[in-house]
Every structure is written in structure tokens, then in C-alpha cells.
N, C-alpha and C. Protein backbone atom coordinates (compact mmCIF):
# COMPACT_ATOMS: atom_id res chain seq x y z
N MET A 1 4.35 -10.34 -7.90
CA MET A 1 3.53 -9.57 -7.00
C MET A 1 3.81 -8.09 -7.21
N TRP A 2 2.76 -7.30 -7.37
CA TRP A 2 2.89 -5.86 -7.60
C TRP A 2 2.41 -5.10 -6.38
N ASN A 3 3.17 -4.10 -6.01
CA ASN A 3 2.76 -3.16 -4.97
C ASN A 3 3.00 -1.76 -5.53
N TYR A 4 1.94 -1.11 -5.95
CA TYR A 4 2.07 0.17 -6.64
C TYR A 4 1.32 1.25 -5.86
N GLU A 5 2.04 2.29 -5.47
CA GLU A 5 1.43 3.43 -4.80
C GLU A 5 1.53 4.64 -5.71
N ARG A 6 0.40 5.29 -5.92
CA ARG A 6 0.37 6.45 -6.80
C ARG A 6 0.57 7.71 -5.96
N ARG A 7 1.83 8.19 -5.94
CA ARG A 7 2.15 9.41 -5.19
C ARG A 7 3.39 10.03 -5.80
N LEU A 8 3.59 11.32 -5.54
CA LEU A 8 4.77 12.01 -6.05
C LEU A 8 5.99 11.62 -5.23
N GLU A 9 7.14 11.54 -5.89
CA GLU A 9 8.36 11.22 -5.19
C GLU A 9 8.81 12.39 -4.31
N TYR A 10 8.66 13.59 -4.85
CA TYR A 10 9.02 14.80 -4.11
C TYR A 10 7.83 15.75 -4.11
N PRO A 11 7.55 16.42 -3.01
CA PRO A 11 6.45 17.39 -3.02
C PRO A 11 6.78 18.59 -3.91
N VAL A 12 5.77 19.12 -4.58
CA VAL A 12 5.95 20.24 -5.48
C VAL A 12 5.28 21.47 -4.88
N ASN A 13 6.05 22.55 -4.77
CA ASN A 13 5.52 23.79 -4.24
C ASN A 13 6.09 24.94 -5.06
N ILE A 14 5.28 25.50 -5.96
CA ILE A 14 5.71 26.60 -6.82
C ILE A 14 5.37 27.90 -6.12
N THR A 15 6.41 28.68 -5.81
CA THR A 15 6.18 29.94 -5.11
C THR A 15 6.07 31.11 -6.08
N THR A 16 6.92 31.18 -7.10
CA THR A 16 6.85 32.26 -8.08
C THR A 16 6.91 31.66 -9.48
N PRO A 17 5.87 31.86 -10.29
CA PRO A 17 5.89 31.34 -11.65
C PRO A 17 6.89 32.10 -12.53
N ASN A 18 7.51 31.38 -13.46
CA ASN A 18 8.50 31.96 -14.36
C ASN A 18 8.15 31.52 -15.79
N ALA A 19 7.79 32.48 -16.63
CA ALA A 19 7.32 32.18 -17.99
C ALA A 19 8.43 31.60 -18.86
N LYS A 20 9.67 32.06 -18.72
CA LYS A 20 10.77 31.54 -19.55
C LYS A 20 11.07 30.09 -19.24
N ILE A 21 11.10 29.75 -17.97
CA ILE A 21 11.35 28.36 -17.59
C ILE A 21 10.17 27.49 -18.02
N ALA A 22 8.96 28.00 -17.89
CA ALA A 22 7.78 27.26 -18.32
C ALA A 22 7.83 26.98 -19.81
N GLN A 23 8.29 27.94 -20.60
CA GLN A 23 8.40 27.74 -22.04
C GLN A 23 9.45 26.67 -22.37
N ALA A 24 10.55 26.66 -21.65
CA ALA A 24 11.58 25.64 -21.86
C ALA A 24 11.05 24.25 -21.49
N ILE A 25 10.30 24.17 -20.41
CA ILE A 25 9.72 22.89 -20.01
C ILE A 25 8.70 22.42 -21.05
N MET A 26 7.88 23.33 -21.54
CA MET A 26 6.86 22.97 -22.52
C MET A 26 7.48 22.48 -23.83
N SER A 27 8.66 23.00 -24.18
CA SER A 27 9.30 22.54 -25.41
C SER A 27 9.69 21.07 -25.31
N GLN A 28 9.89 20.57 -24.10
CA GLN A 28 10.23 19.17 -23.91
C GLN A 28 9.03 18.25 -24.11
N TYR A 29 7.81 18.80 -24.06
CA TYR A 29 6.62 17.97 -24.24
C TYR A 29 6.38 17.63 -25.71
N GLY A 30 6.81 18.46 -26.64
CA GLY A 30 6.52 18.25 -28.05
C GLY A 30 7.58 17.43 -28.76
N GLY A 31 7.26 17.02 -29.98
CA GLY A 31 8.22 16.28 -30.80
C GLY A 31 8.21 14.79 -30.55
N PRO A 32 8.85 14.03 -31.45
CA PRO A 32 8.85 12.58 -31.32
C PRO A 32 9.64 12.07 -30.12
N ASP A 33 10.62 12.85 -29.66
CA ASP A 33 11.42 12.44 -28.52
C ASP A 33 10.98 13.14 -27.24
N GLY A 34 9.89 13.87 -27.30
CA GLY A 34 9.41 14.60 -26.13
C GLY A 34 8.52 13.73 -25.25
N GLU A 35 8.05 14.34 -24.20
CA GLU A 35 7.24 13.63 -23.22
C GLU A 35 5.87 13.23 -23.79
N MET A 36 5.31 14.05 -24.68
CA MET A 36 4.01 13.71 -25.25
C MET A 36 4.10 12.44 -26.10
N GLY A 37 5.17 12.32 -26.88
CA GLY A 37 5.36 11.11 -27.67
C GLY A 37 5.54 9.89 -26.78
N ALA A 38 6.27 10.06 -25.68
CA ALA A 38 6.47 8.95 -24.74
C ALA A 38 5.15 8.54 -24.10
N SER A 39 4.34 9.53 -23.71
CA SER A 39 3.08 9.18 -23.05
C SER A 39 2.14 8.46 -24.00
N LEU A 40 2.15 8.86 -25.27
CA LEU A 40 1.29 8.16 -26.24
C LEU A 40 1.77 6.74 -26.47
N ARG A 41 3.08 6.51 -26.42
CA ARG A 41 3.58 5.13 -26.53
C ARG A 41 3.17 4.29 -25.34
N TYR A 42 3.22 4.87 -24.13
CA TYR A 42 2.75 4.14 -22.94
C TYR A 42 1.28 3.79 -23.07
N LEU A 43 0.48 4.76 -23.50
CA LEU A 43 -0.96 4.52 -23.60
C LEU A 43 -1.30 3.52 -24.69
N SER A 44 -0.54 3.51 -25.78
CA SER A 44 -0.84 2.53 -26.84
C SER A 44 -0.36 1.13 -26.44
N GLN A 45 0.71 1.02 -25.67
CA GLN A 45 1.20 -0.29 -25.25
C GLN A 45 0.27 -0.96 -24.25
N ARG A 46 -0.49 -0.17 -23.52
CA ARG A 46 -1.36 -0.75 -22.50
C ARG A 46 -2.42 -1.66 -23.11
N TYR A 47 -2.81 -1.40 -24.36
CA TYR A 47 -3.85 -2.22 -24.99
C TYR A 47 -3.36 -3.60 -25.39
N ALA A 48 -2.05 -3.76 -25.56
CA ALA A 48 -1.49 -5.06 -25.93
C ALA A 48 -1.00 -5.84 -24.72
N CYS A 49 -1.12 -5.27 -23.54
CA CYS A 49 -0.58 -5.91 -22.34
C CYS A 49 -1.55 -6.98 -21.82
N PRO A 50 -1.08 -8.19 -21.57
CA PRO A 50 -1.98 -9.26 -21.12
C PRO A 50 -2.35 -9.19 -19.64
N TYR A 51 -1.62 -8.41 -18.83
CA TYR A 51 -1.88 -8.36 -17.39
C TYR A 51 -2.53 -7.04 -17.02
N ARG A 52 -3.62 -7.11 -16.27
CA ARG A 52 -4.36 -5.91 -15.89
C ARG A 52 -3.55 -4.98 -15.00
N GLU A 53 -2.74 -5.54 -14.11
CA GLU A 53 -1.95 -4.70 -13.20
C GLU A 53 -0.95 -3.85 -13.98
N VAL A 54 -0.28 -4.48 -14.93
CA VAL A 54 0.71 -3.77 -15.74
C VAL A 54 0.00 -2.75 -16.64
N SER A 55 -1.15 -3.12 -17.16
CA SER A 55 -1.93 -2.20 -17.97
C SER A 55 -2.31 -0.96 -17.18
N ALA A 56 -2.69 -1.14 -15.92
CA ALA A 56 -3.04 0.00 -15.07
C ALA A 56 -1.83 0.89 -14.81
N ILE A 57 -0.67 0.29 -14.64
CA ILE A 57 0.54 1.09 -14.41
C ILE A 57 0.90 1.88 -15.67
N LEU A 58 0.81 1.24 -16.84
CA LEU A 58 1.08 1.95 -18.08
C LEU A 58 0.11 3.11 -18.28
N THR A 59 -1.15 2.91 -17.91
CA THR A 59 -2.13 3.98 -18.01
C THR A 59 -1.77 5.13 -17.08
N ASP A 60 -1.41 4.82 -15.84
CA ASP A 60 -1.03 5.87 -14.89
C ASP A 60 0.19 6.64 -15.36
N ILE A 61 1.17 5.94 -15.91
CA ILE A 61 2.37 6.62 -16.40
C ILE A 61 2.03 7.51 -17.59
N GLY A 62 1.28 6.97 -18.52
CA GLY A 62 0.92 7.74 -19.71
C GLY A 62 0.08 8.96 -19.40
N VAL A 63 -0.82 8.84 -18.46
CA VAL A 63 -1.68 9.97 -18.10
C VAL A 63 -0.91 10.99 -17.29
N SER A 64 -0.05 10.54 -16.38
CA SER A 64 0.67 11.49 -15.52
C SER A 64 1.68 12.31 -16.32
N VAL A 65 2.20 11.76 -17.39
CA VAL A 65 3.16 12.50 -18.21
C VAL A 65 2.46 13.61 -18.97
N THR A 66 1.20 13.41 -19.35
CA THR A 66 0.50 14.41 -20.16
C THR A 66 -0.09 15.53 -19.33
N ARG A 67 -0.16 15.39 -18.02
CA ARG A 67 -0.72 16.46 -17.19
C ARG A 67 0.25 17.63 -17.13
N LEU A 68 -0.29 18.81 -17.27
CA LEU A 68 0.51 20.01 -17.21
C LEU A 68 0.35 20.66 -15.85
N PRO A 69 1.41 21.19 -15.29
CA PRO A 69 1.28 21.87 -14.00
C PRO A 69 0.47 23.14 -14.13
N ILE A 70 -0.35 23.38 -13.15
CA ILE A 70 -1.21 24.58 -13.18
C ILE A 70 -0.65 25.62 -12.24
């Protein structure tokens, strides 16, 4: 039985943007061990998953990792 709620664990409130910290965070998105590589693995695994519920969770994880904060 699956019970999945799509919500943030902690609320996010950015008061002052910082370009140096943003650059460090963005560096974690690239490369084979970065978040972008992980999200693409989640999205590719969803196509081989036999259960629709698990496929939906893999899609949500893969998509949420690729979103960039605005």
C-alpha cells in the first residue's frame, strides 16, 4: 500500500540571494555524480517499472531534482 504526499519537507524562504552560494549549488547539478545525472537515472528507470504507483514516484523524484530555484 502506497501513501505518497507531494510536499516539501521544510518550507523554503529565500530572503537575500547570494551568487557565490548559487554557483556552488549549481556545480552539484552537473557531472555523472551530480543531481542531473541522478534525475535522468530516475526518469529512465520509470519506463521499466511494472507498477504505476512506483513509476509516478520515480517521475516526481526525477522532475523535482531537475527544477532550479527561482
